[in-house]
Protein backbone atom coordinates (compact mmCIF):
# COMPACT_ATOMS: atom_id res chain seq x y z
CA UNK A 1 20.66 -9.00 50.17
CA UNK A 2 21.12 -12.01 48.28
CA UNK A 3 22.89 -15.32 48.98
CA UNK A 4 23.74 -18.38 46.59
CA UNK A 5 22.20 -20.96 48.84
CA UNK A 6 24.62 -24.13 48.79
CA UNK A 7 22.09 -26.51 49.44
CA UNK A 8 19.48 -25.13 47.25
CA UNK A 9 22.16 -24.31 44.25
CA UNK A 10 20.40 -21.04 44.26
CA UNK A 11 20.88 -17.41 44.85
CA UNK A 12 17.87 -16.51 47.28
CA UNK A 13 16.74 -13.39 48.86
CA UNK A 14 18.00 -13.22 52.35
CA UNK A 15 15.17 -12.75 54.53
CA UNK A 16 16.56 -13.40 58.67
CA UNK A 17 14.52 -15.33 61.03
CA UNK A 18 13.75 -11.97 63.18
CA UNK A 19 13.51 -8.85 61.56
CA UNK A 20 16.66 -7.09 61.40
CA UNK A 21 19.00 -9.53 63.37
CA UNK A 22 21.16 -12.16 62.13
CA UNK A 23 22.67 -15.36 63.28
CA UNK A 24 25.75 -16.81 61.71
CA UNK A 25 27.54 -20.27 62.63
CA UNK A 26 31.14 -20.77 60.93
CA UNK A 27 33.29 -23.81 61.78
CA UNK A 28 36.33 -22.52 62.81
CA UNK A 29 40.08 -24.10 63.13
CA UNK A 30 41.00 -27.19 65.15
CA UNK A 31 44.16 -25.78 66.83
CA UNK A 32 46.89 -28.10 66.27
CA UNK A 33 48.86 -26.05 63.79
CA UNK A 34 49.35 -22.99 62.11
CA UNK A 35 46.81 -21.23 59.55
CA UNK A 36 47.14 -22.06 55.95
CA UNK A 37 45.73 -19.78 53.13
CA UNK A 38 42.60 -21.77 53.16
CA UNK A 39 41.59 -20.67 56.88
CA UNK A 40 42.63 -17.51 55.73
CA UNK A 41 40.13 -17.26 52.90
CA UNK A 42 37.26 -18.65 54.56
CA UNK A 43 37.78 -16.35 57.69
CA UNK A 44 38.02 -13.70 55.30
CA UNK A 45 34.83 -14.29 53.57
CA UNK A 46 32.76 -14.53 56.34
CA UNK A 47 34.37 -11.79 57.82
CA UNK A 48 33.12 -9.88 54.77
CA UNK A 49 29.74 -10.94 55.13
CA UNK A 50 29.40 -9.81 58.30
CA UNK A 51 30.32 -6.06 57.60
CA UNK A 52 28.00 -6.05 54.42
CA UNK A 53 25.22 -7.27 56.19
CA UNK A 54 26.06 -4.84 59.05
CA UNK A 55 26.21 -1.87 56.33
CA UNK A 56 22.64 -2.96 55.19
CA UNK A 57 21.37 -1.94 58.90
CA UNK A 58 21.35 -5.88 60.16
CA UNK A 59 21.99 -6.49 63.66
CA UNK A 60 24.45 -9.47 63.13
CA UNK A 61 25.60 -11.70 65.60
CA UNK A 62 28.30 -13.95 64.30
CA UNK A 63 30.11 -17.25 66.28
CA UNK A 64 33.35 -19.43 65.37
CA UNK A 65 34.37 -22.05 67.38
CA UNK A 66 37.60 -23.45 67.87
CA UNK A 67 37.68 -26.99 67.88
CA UNK A 68 40.38 -28.00 71.23
CA UNK A 69 39.61 -31.77 71.12
CA UNK A 70 41.06 -33.98 67.91
CA UNK A 71 43.26 -36.74 67.86
CA UNK A 72 45.75 -34.50 65.51
CA UNK A 73 46.22 -32.16 68.78
CA UNK A 74 46.86 -35.23 70.94
CA UNK A 75 49.39 -36.67 68.64
CA UNK A 76 50.93 -33.09 68.01
CA UNK A 77 51.30 -32.81 72.01
CA UNK A 78 52.69 -36.43 72.28
CA UNK A 79 54.96 -35.33 69.30
CA UNK A 80 56.66 -32.37 71.66
CA UNK A 81 56.18 -33.75 74.49
CA UNK A 82 53.99 -31.06 75.91
CA UNK A 83 50.22 -30.61 77.42
CA UNK A 84 47.38 -30.44 75.49
CA UNK A 85 46.31 -27.34 76.64
CA UNK A 86 49.74 -25.58 75.88
CA UNK A 87 49.28 -27.15 72.30
CA UNK A 88 45.76 -25.32 71.85
CA UNK A 89 46.36 -22.28 73.78
CA UNK A 90 49.46 -21.78 71.56
CA UNK A 91 48.09 -22.38 68.43
CA UNK A 92 44.78 -20.44 69.03
CA UNK A 93 46.78 -17.43 70.35
CA UNK A 94 48.53 -17.79 66.78
CA UNK A 95 45.11 -17.75 64.69
CA UNK A 96 44.21 -14.75 66.47
CA UNK A 97 47.52 -12.96 66.00
CA UNK A 98 47.02 -14.13 62.25
CA UNK A 99 43.10 -13.22 61.45
CA UNK A 100 43.99 -9.53 63.20
CA UNK A 101 47.23 -9.05 60.46
CA UNK A 102 44.77 -10.28 57.67
CA UNK A 103 42.02 -7.63 59.21
CA UNK A 104 39.55 -10.49 60.37
CA UNK A 105 37.59 -8.94 63.38
CA UNK A 106 37.17 -11.44 66.21
CA UNK A 107 33.62 -13.21 66.30
CA UNK A 108 31.25 -11.85 68.87
CA UNK A 109 31.08 -15.58 70.04
CA UNK A 110 33.85 -18.15 69.53
CA UNK A 111 32.89 -21.41 71.98
CA UNK A 112 35.76 -24.24 72.55
CA UNK A 113 35.00 -27.83 72.41
CA UNK A 114 36.30 -28.34 75.75
CA UNK A 115 34.36 -25.85 77.06
CA UNK A 116 30.87 -27.17 75.84
CA UNK A 117 31.01 -30.85 76.59
CA UNK A 118 27.71 -30.70 79.02
CA UNK A 119 25.85 -29.22 75.30
CA UNK A 120 27.27 -32.18 73.42
CA UNK A 121 26.69 -34.96 76.38
CA UNK A 122 22.92 -32.96 76.30
CA UNK A 123 22.22 -33.54 72.74
CA UNK A 124 23.83 -37.33 72.71
CA UNK A 125 21.39 -37.82 75.31
CA UNK A 126 18.34 -36.68 73.49
CA UNK A 127 19.05 -38.34 70.14
CA UNK A 128 18.92 -41.75 72.14
CA UNK A 129 16.03 -41.19 73.73
CA UNK A 130 14.66 -40.40 70.41
CA UNK A 131 16.05 -43.76 68.90
CA UNK A 132 18.50 -41.45 66.47
CA UNK A 133 21.67 -43.03 68.63
CA UNK A 134 22.55 -46.35 69.87
CA UNK A 135 25.61 -47.66 72.11
CA UNK A 136 27.34 -50.27 71.34
CA UNK A 137 29.10 -53.22 73.87
CA UNK A 138 32.47 -51.00 73.44
CA UNK A 139 31.05 -47.80 74.87
CA UNK A 140 30.55 -45.92 71.49
CA UNK A 141 28.18 -44.19 70.80
CA UNK A 142 26.77 -43.69 67.23
CA UNK A 143 24.36 -41.74 65.17
CA UNK A 144 21.74 -44.03 63.43
CA UNK A 145 21.74 -43.03 59.91
CA UNK A 146 19.46 -45.02 58.74
CA UNK A 147 16.75 -43.53 61.01
CA UNK A 148 16.89 -40.03 59.22
CA UNK A 149 14.65 -40.07 56.19
CA UNK A 150 16.89 -36.64 55.42
CA UNK A 151 19.55 -37.80 55.58
CA UNK A 152 22.14 -36.32 53.05
CA UNK A 153 19.34 -33.53 51.99
CA UNK A 154 22.06 -31.23 52.88
CA UNK A 155 24.72 -32.43 50.23
CA UNK A 156 22.34 -34.38 47.99
CA UNK A 157 24.61 -37.48 47.59
CA UNK A 158 23.90 -41.20 47.41
CA UNK A 159 25.70 -43.20 50.01
CA UNK A 160 28.67 -44.99 49.17
CA UNK A 161 29.70 -47.20 52.24
CA UNK A 162 33.23 -46.66 51.94
CA UNK A 163 32.71 -43.10 52.59
CA UNK A 164 34.86 -41.27 55.17
CA UNK A 165 33.44 -40.20 57.80
CA UNK A 166 35.46 -39.72 60.97
CA UNK A 167 38.24 -38.26 61.87
CA UNK A 168 38.70 -41.12 64.40
CA UNK A 169 39.05 -45.10 63.88
CA UNK A 170 35.90 -46.95 63.20
CA UNK A 171 34.18 -49.79 64.57
CA UNK A 172 32.84 -53.20 63.44
CA UNK A 173 29.60 -52.47 65.64
CA UNK A 174 27.87 -50.04 63.63
CA UNK A 175 24.94 -50.64 62.09
CA UNK A 176 25.92 -48.91 58.84
CA UNK A 177 28.59 -47.95 56.95
CA UNK A 178 27.58 -44.54 57.35
CA UNK A 179 26.54 -43.91 61.05
CA UNK A 180 29.24 -41.93 62.40
CA UNK A 181 30.55 -41.16 66.13
CA UNK A 182 28.93 -38.87 68.44
CA UNK A 183 31.05 -40.40 71.49
CA UNK A 184 34.32 -42.29 71.04
CA UNK A 185 35.30 -44.41 74.01
CA UNK A 186 38.63 -44.17 75.09
CA UNK A 187 40.20 -47.35 76.77
CA UNK A 188 44.07 -45.90 77.10
CA UNK A 189 45.22 -43.26 79.51
CA UNK A 190 45.00 -40.61 76.64
CA UNK A 191 42.81 -37.63 76.69
CA UNK A 192 39.41 -38.55 77.45
CA UNK A 193 36.38 -37.08 79.55
CA UNK A 194 33.71 -38.66 81.48
CA UNK A 195 30.15 -39.77 80.53
CA UNK A 196 27.39 -41.62 81.50
CA UNK A 197 28.64 -44.13 78.65
CA UNK A 198 32.23 -44.33 80.08
CA UNK A 199 35.10 -42.26 79.31
CA UNK A 200 35.53 -40.89 75.57
CA UNK A 201 36.08 -38.25 73.34
CA UNK A 202 32.99 -36.31 71.57
CA UNK A 203 32.68 -37.02 67.70
CA UNK A 204 34.07 -33.96 65.51
CA UNK A 205 30.41 -33.50 63.94
CA UNK A 206 28.96 -33.10 67.42
CA UNK A 207 30.12 -29.92 68.43
CA UNK A 208 28.98 -27.53 66.09
CA UNK A 209 25.86 -28.44 66.20
CA UNK A 210 25.78 -28.75 70.02
CA UNK A 211 27.49 -25.35 70.63
CA UNK A 212 24.99 -23.78 67.93
CA UNK A 213 22.18 -25.06 70.22
CA UNK A 214 23.34 -23.85 72.87
CA UNK A 215 24.72 -20.00 72.07
CA UNK A 216 22.36 -19.13 68.98
CA UNK A 217 19.26 -21.34 68.09
CA UNK A 218 15.93 -19.63 69.70
CA UNK A 219 13.15 -22.00 71.00
CA UNK A 220 10.31 -22.65 68.43
CA UNK A 221 12.45 -21.00 65.55
CA UNK A 222 12.30 -22.69 62.71
CA UNK A 223 15.94 -22.69 62.29
CA UNK A 224 18.67 -23.01 64.96
CA UNK A 225 20.75 -19.92 62.70
CA UNK A 226 19.84 -18.06 59.88
CA UNK A 227 23.23 -18.60 58.09
CA UNK A 228 25.77 -21.29 58.22
CA UNK A 229 29.23 -21.19 56.83
CA UNK A 230 32.62 -22.76 55.80
CA UNK A 231 34.79 -24.47 53.23
CA UNK A 232 33.42 -26.39 50.43
CA UNK A 233 35.16 -29.41 51.73
CA UNK A 234 32.72 -29.52 54.94
CA UNK A 235 29.21 -29.77 52.80
CA UNK A 236 30.02 -33.76 53.20
CA UNK A 237 30.46 -35.50 55.78
CA UNK A 238 30.51 -32.46 58.58
CA UNK A 239 27.72 -30.45 57.62
CA UNK A 240 25.16 -32.93 56.25
CA UNK A 241 26.08 -34.83 59.36
CA UNK A 242 25.72 -31.49 61.59
CA UNK A 243 22.12 -30.97 59.86
CA UNK A 244 21.18 -34.56 60.99
CA UNK A 245 22.21 -34.05 64.34
CA UNK A 246 19.84 -30.59 65.21
CA UNK A 247 16.79 -31.95 62.97
CA UNK A 248 16.73 -35.34 65.07
CA UNK A 249 16.86 -33.94 68.82
CA UNK A 250 15.31 -30.52 68.12
CA UNK A 251 11.96 -29.19 66.75
CA UNK A 252 14.05 -26.91 63.94
CA UNK A 253 16.38 -27.42 60.84
CA UNK A 254 20.03 -26.29 61.83
CA UNK A 255 20.10 -23.20 58.95
CA UNK A 256 18.32 -21.44 56.51
CA UNK A 257 20.93 -20.46 54.21
CA UNK A 258 24.02 -22.26 53.45
CA UNK A 259 27.75 -20.79 52.27
CA UNK A 260 30.78 -22.30 51.14
CA UNK A 261 33.80 -20.91 49.92
CA UNK A 262 35.53 -22.20 47.31
CA UNK A 263 38.91 -24.21 47.41
CA UNK A 264 42.48 -22.66 47.95
CA UNK A 265 44.91 -24.29 45.21
CA UNK A 266 48.80 -23.59 44.93
CA UNK A 267 49.85 -23.18 41.63
CA UNK A 268 46.90 -24.43 39.89
CA UNK A 269 47.05 -27.95 42.53
CA UNK A 270 44.54 -28.00 45.21
CA UNK A 271 46.30 -27.15 48.65
CA UNK A 272 46.51 -30.44 50.84
CA UNK A 273 49.00 -31.52 53.82
CA UNK A 274 48.68 -34.91 52.12
CA UNK A 275 50.14 -33.14 49.03
CA UNK A 276 53.03 -31.49 51.13
CA UNK A 277 51.62 -28.18 49.37
CA UNK A 278 50.03 -26.33 52.56
CA UNK A 279 51.23 -22.96 52.63
CA UNK A 280 51.23 -21.41 55.74
CA UNK A 281 49.27 -17.85 56.31
CA UNK A 282 52.53 -17.15 58.41
CA UNK A 283 54.95 -17.42 55.75
CA UNK A 284 52.83 -15.49 53.48
CA UNK A 285 52.66 -12.71 55.68
CA UNK A 286 56.37 -12.48 55.99
CA UNK A 287 56.83 -11.58 52.03
CA UNK A 288 53.49 -9.16 52.07
CA UNK A 289 51.64 -6.67 54.33
CA UNK A 290 48.39 -8.75 55.47
CA UNK A 291 46.51 -6.10 53.80
CA UNK A 292 47.67 -6.79 50.59
CA UNK A 293 46.61 -10.53 51.38
CA UNK A 294 43.36 -9.69 52.34
CA UNK A 295 42.60 -7.78 49.14
CA UNK A 296 44.63 -10.18 47.21
CA UNK A 297 42.22 -13.46 48.54
CA UNK A 298 39.41 -11.35 48.04
CA UNK A 299 39.91 -10.44 44.50
CA UNK A 300 37.79 -13.44 42.87
CA UNK A 301 34.42 -14.59 43.82
CA UNK A 302 34.42 -16.27 47.17
CA UNK A 303 32.52 -19.80 45.58
CA UNK A 304 34.69 -19.85 43.14
CA UNK A 305 38.38 -21.78 43.54
CA UNK A 306 41.17 -19.66 44.48
CA UNK A 307 44.25 -19.95 42.56
CA UNK A 308 47.37 -19.11 44.63
CA UNK A 309 50.34 -17.69 42.78
CA UNK A 310 52.99 -14.84 43.40
CA UNK A 311 52.34 -13.28 39.99
CA UNK A 312 48.67 -12.77 40.91
CA UNK A 313 49.72 -11.56 44.51
CA UNK A 314 52.01 -9.06 42.95
CA UNK A 315 49.55 -8.03 40.91
CA UNK A 316 46.84 -7.58 43.40
CA UNK A 317 49.72 -4.97 45.14
CA UNK A 318 50.08 -2.89 42.32
CA UNK A 319 46.01 -2.57 42.10
CA UNK A 320 46.04 -1.76 46.02
CA UNK A 321 49.02 0.43 45.62
CA UNK A 322 47.03 2.63 43.28
CA UNK A 323 43.91 2.85 46.36
CA UNK A 324 46.77 3.98 49.00
CA UNK A 325 48.58 6.67 46.43
CA UNK A 326 45.15 7.83 45.95
CA UNK A 327 45.02 8.28 49.69
CA UNK A 328 48.49 9.39 50.05
CA UNK A 329 47.36 12.49 47.71
CA UNK A 330 44.53 13.97 49.88
CA UNK A 331 46.53 13.01 52.79
CA UNK A 332 46.07 15.44 55.76
CA UNK A 333 42.23 16.21 54.85
CA UNK A 334 39.29 16.00 57.36
CA UNK A 335 37.95 12.40 57.38
CA UNK A 336 33.99 12.70 55.56
CA UNK A 337 31.59 9.60 56.22
CA UNK A 338 28.99 11.77 53.94
CA UNK A 339 27.08 9.25 51.66
CA UNK A 340 28.04 9.22 48.10
CA UNK A 341 26.34 7.46 44.99
CA UNK A 342 29.57 5.45 44.90
CA UNK A 343 28.92 4.18 48.57
CA UNK A 344 25.33 2.97 47.35
CA UNK A 345 26.66 1.20 44.57
CA UNK A 346 29.23 -0.35 46.24
CA UNK A 347 27.15 -1.96 49.05
CA UNK A 348 24.83 -3.07 46.22
CA UNK A 349 27.04 -5.30 44.57
CA UNK A 350 28.21 -6.59 47.83
CA UNK A 351 24.90 -7.02 48.97
CA UNK A 352 24.64 -9.27 45.61
CA UNK A 353 26.39 -12.28 46.82
CA UNK A 354 29.29 -10.57 47.88
CA UNK A 355 30.36 -9.80 44.33
CA UNK A 356 34.09 -8.73 45.26
CA UNK A 357 35.02 -8.38 41.19
CA UNK A 358 32.48 -5.70 40.95
CA UNK A 359 33.24 -4.09 43.98
CA UNK A 360 36.90 -4.00 43.10
CA UNK A 361 35.96 -2.80 39.55
CA UNK A 362 33.64 0.07 40.76
CA UNK A 363 36.88 1.16 43.85
CA UNK A 364 39.73 1.15 39.97
CA UNK A 365 37.06 3.41 38.52
CA UNK A 366 36.20 5.74 41.72
CA UNK A 367 40.57 6.28 42.25
CA UNK A 368 40.80 6.56 38.39
CA UNK A 369 38.36 9.32 38.05
CA UNK A 370 39.37 11.11 41.18
CA UNK A 371 42.88 11.40 40.06
CA UNK A 372 42.40 12.42 36.76
CA UNK A 373 40.04 15.26 38.29
CA UNK A 374 42.85 16.19 40.72
CA UNK A 375 45.28 16.43 37.84
CA UNK A 376 43.21 19.32 36.04
CA UNK A 377 43.43 22.99 37.49
CA UNK A 378 41.02 23.80 40.65
CA UNK A 379 40.59 23.04 44.68
CA UNK A 380 38.24 20.25 43.84
CA UNK A 381 36.95 20.84 47.70
CA UNK A 382 33.74 18.73 46.86
CA UNK A 383 35.44 15.40 45.19
CA UNK A 384 38.03 15.96 47.60
CA UNK A 385 35.21 15.96 50.07
CA UNK A 386 33.39 13.00 48.43
CA UNK A 387 36.69 11.06 47.73
CA UNK A 388 37.84 11.15 51.57
CA UNK A 389 34.32 9.73 52.47
CA UNK A 390 34.49 6.65 49.81
CA UNK A 391 37.60 5.85 51.08
CA UNK A 392 36.38 5.77 54.30
CA UNK A 393 33.80 3.32 53.50
CA UNK A 394 35.51 1.29 50.97
CA UNK A 395 38.06 0.89 54.66
CA UNK A 396 34.96 -0.12 56.99
CA UNK A 397 32.99 -2.44 53.86
CA UNK A 398 35.77 -4.13 52.42
CA UNK A 399 39.04 -3.26 55.07
CA UNK A 400 41.19 -2.13 52.31
CA UNK A 401 43.27 0.80 52.80
CA UNK A 402 42.63 1.16 56.41
CA UNK A 403 46.72 2.17 56.97
CA UNK A 404 48.37 5.36 57.30
CA UNK A 405 49.21 5.44 53.50
CA UNK A 406 52.55 6.32 54.13
CA UNK A 407 53.25 3.52 56.38
CA UNK A 408 52.00 0.93 54.23
CA UNK A 409 54.37 1.08 51.64
CA UNK A 410 56.94 1.17 54.78
CA UNK A 411 56.50 -2.78 54.69
CA UNK A 412 59.57 -5.09 54.60
CA UNK A 413 61.70 -2.57 56.43
CA UNK A 414 62.86 -4.03 59.23
CA UNK A 415 62.59 -2.25 63.16
CA UNK A 416 65.88 -1.46 63.22
CA UNK A 417 66.28 0.55 59.71
CA UNK A 418 62.63 2.36 61.20
CA UNK A 419 64.51 3.55 64.22
CA UNK A 420 67.39 4.77 62.31
CA UNK A 421 65.24 6.70 59.90
CA UNK A 422 63.18 8.30 62.80
CA UNK A 423 66.34 9.27 63.91
CA UNK A 424 67.72 10.91 60.67
CA UNK A 425 64.35 12.60 60.47
CA UNK A 426 64.29 14.08 63.97
CA UNK A 427 68.11 15.51 63.43
CA UNK A 428 67.17 17.13 59.54
CA UNK A 429 64.42 18.70 61.50
CA UNK A 430 66.48 20.20 63.98
CA UNK A 431 68.87 21.47 61.43
CA UNK A 432 66.24 22.87 59.10
CA UNK A 433 64.60 24.82 62.77
CA UNK A 434 68.63 26.09 63.13
CA UNK A 435 68.16 27.17 59.62
CA UNK A 436 71.50 24.92 59.09
CA UNK A 437 70.14 23.74 55.45
CA UNK A 438 73.60 22.28 54.53
CA UNK A 439 73.33 19.80 57.17
CA UNK A 440 69.65 19.23 56.21
CA UNK A 441 70.44 18.40 52.85
CA UNK A 442 73.38 16.10 53.87
CA UNK A 443 70.80 14.37 56.51
CA UNK A 444 68.40 13.98 53.59
CA UNK A 445 71.03 12.08 50.79
CA UNK A 446 71.61 9.98 54.48
CA UNK A 447 68.31 9.29 54.11
CA UNK A 448 67.62 8.36 50.56
CA UNK A 449 70.98 6.46 50.55
CA UNK A 450 68.80 3.61 52.46
CA UNK A 451 66.49 2.88 49.79
CA UNK A 452 63.64 5.07 50.89
CA UNK A 453 62.08 8.67 49.46
CA UNK A 454 61.38 11.46 51.81
CA UNK A 455 57.97 13.25 51.50
CA UNK A 456 57.32 17.21 53.41
CA UNK A 457 54.26 17.66 54.33
CA UNK A 458 51.90 19.44 56.45
CA UNK A 459 51.49 16.85 58.56
CA UNK A 460 55.37 16.29 59.40
CA UNK A 461 57.74 14.25 57.13
CA UNK A 462 57.22 10.90 55.85
CA UNK A 463 59.00 8.32 54.22
CA UNK A 464 58.33 5.25 52.00
CA UNK A 465 60.29 2.45 50.48
CA UNK A 466 61.40 2.69 46.80
């Protein structure tokens, strides 16, 4: 396995700290609103990474946090007149459901900020003790960037005084403009937590470092985790500050490998809430099957910026349709998990820094060759068995082709119509059983008039949307 390291700016052979085991931490959502396509892209990339690592025989422990302490959450709760936890529980549940819709598995560990304040306060205490943090008269606690000789070694930036470092208001009591908050004092009646420095809330950068140490890091290891990932926008200041906190409070660095996925653009323009062009995943799921979105968003290399537009999305759907039509062609055959040369090739290109473009090209070629052979006379038993094995491998490794092929082509038909179709099919089956073929044909015409095709197979009668 080779991974492009965002910090070292080169592709590196992946060697885990502990043979056969991988620790992976990815920055998760701040749960104050619905997930947008940027969240989906990042979640898909690291879902794919875990699948590839596991297929390569590695035992993966994957953690992704939930930020449920944030000024944006508090503002949302105030706007809606609701309790903070009601807001965070709702959007956490919504996030989980939307990730499930695009085939993203839940991480092994999903720590919430509110449940890990002990780890955060412990890290703050250590940083103060090690002279890497200081408490202001107001009760704020800041990381002293001047005390860390390796600060900016992650992002390779030159510090600018006006660089925005935090999600909370800055303080004139900072020693250096670059210093960032570990703990922000709260003087009003808004949400706060107790600490040795007074009531307040933890800084955003602190939570990931503290939770990594608590849930993943091992004593005397050179790195807290093997791989740390997230969107490219997190490299600075978020990941820079995480790395500083970890190395200054422990005997190890934060991560051996850093992975960052590119931005999502909407029709050529960077997606941003400030620009008003955020595309919520829930809206895309109304128009397209979640697996189509998965296929589309993984269609370009994860490090490239992704330009979302409906024309390319339609093209991606047609490409995935071909895979499902092959699966439908072999419907009813026994599942097969035997190893084939195609599977070896597919895993090989994905082990090369998740080269999904090459993977999709291999899949296209496999589908075309299988159809070409199946079009010729003969039973093709070996080809069918190997193709069934290949389809199973694709579904496991990439999450493509996981559905019943007939149900895949039913997307966009409402529940009431589906229930009506089921009733008509049952009536038609009864008519055929009674040898009332005139009635059977009449019902078939009624079914076709609903805009679907009907297929009778040894496994039963199925339909798909035209």
